[in-house]
Amino acid sequence: MSSGCEKAVGICPIVFFDFFIKEMFEKRLKSLQKREK
């Protein structure tokens, strides 16, 4: 898998970054929902 990422260096970081943002967004959303309740 690492070798595939090295070949597509332009794509892998973008996919990882998009996944990271989604994770942070979901965590923030859940924390906000907990505060409201």
C-alpha atoms as a PDB file:
ATOM      1  CA  MET A   1       0.000   0.000   0.000  1.00  0.00           C
ATOM      2  CA  SER A   2       2.874   2.364   0.798  1.00  0.00           C
ATOM      3  CA  SER A   3       4.426   1.709  -2.627  1.00  0.00           C
ATOM      4  CA  GLY A   4       1.114   2.632  -4.295  1.00  0.00           C
ATOM      5  CA  CYS A   5       1.009   5.847  -2.289  1.00  0.00           C
ATOM      6  CA  GLU A   6       4.573   6.699  -3.284  1.00  0.00           C
ATOM      7  CA  LYS A   7       3.614   6.303  -6.956  1.00  0.00           C
ATOM      8  CA  ALA A   8       0.566   8.545  -6.514  1.00  0.00           C
ATOM      9  CA  VAL A   9       2.106  11.063  -4.130  1.00  0.00           C
ATOM     10  CA  GLY A  10      -0.268  13.776  -5.393  1.00  0.00           C
ATOM     11  CA  ILE A  11      -3.383  11.747  -4.641  1.00  0.00           C
ATOM     12  CA  CYS A  12      -2.666   9.979  -1.320  1.00  0.00           C
ATOM     13  CA  PRO A  13      -2.036  13.111   0.800  1.00  0.00           C
ATOM     14  CA  ILE A  14      -5.255  14.648  -0.549  1.00  0.00           C
ATOM     15  CA  VAL A  15      -7.283  11.540   0.312  1.00  0.00           C
ATOM     16  CA  PHE A  16      -5.736  11.384   3.792  1.00  0.00           C
ATOM     17  CA  PHE A  17      -6.344  15.112   4.344  1.00  0.00           C
ATOM     18  CA  ASP A  18      -9.983  14.806   3.246  1.00  0.00           C
ATOM     19  CA  PHE A  19     -10.465  11.834   5.592  1.00  0.00           C
ATOM     20  CA  PHE A  20      -8.807  13.740   8.458  1.00  0.00           C
ATOM     21  CA  ILE A  21     -11.096  16.766   7.965  1.00  0.00           C
ATOM     22  CA  LYS A  22     -14.181  14.533   7.920  1.00  0.00           C
ATOM     23  CA  GLU A  23     -13.093  12.849  11.163  1.00  0.00           C
ATOM     24  CA  MET A  24     -12.480  16.188  12.909  1.00  0.00           C
ATOM     25  CA  PHE A  25     -15.781  17.588  11.602  1.00  0.00           C
ATOM     26  CA  GLU A  26     -17.737  14.573  12.889  1.00  0.00           C
ATOM     27  CA  LYS A  27     -16.045  14.764  16.310  1.00  0.00           C
ATOM     28  CA  ARG A  28     -16.807  18.483  16.585  1.00  0.00           C
ATOM     29  CA  LEU A  29     -20.400  17.862  15.496  1.00  0.00           C
ATOM     30  CA  LYS A  30     -20.857  15.149  18.142  1.00  0.00           C
ATOM     31  CA  SER A  31     -19.375  17.353  20.876  1.00  0.00           C
ATOM     32  CA  LEU A  32     -21.767  20.161  19.931  1.00  0.00           C
ATOM     33  CA  GLN A  33     -24.725  17.774  20.040  1.00  0.00           C
ATOM     34  CA  LYS A  34     -23.667  16.601  23.508  1.00  0.00           C
ATOM     35  CA  ARG A  35     -23.559  20.207  24.749  1.00  0.00           C
ATOM     36  CA  GLU A  36     -27.085  20.875  23.469  1.00  0.00           C
ATOM     37  CA  LYS A  37     -28.419  17.771  25.250  1.00  0.00           C
END
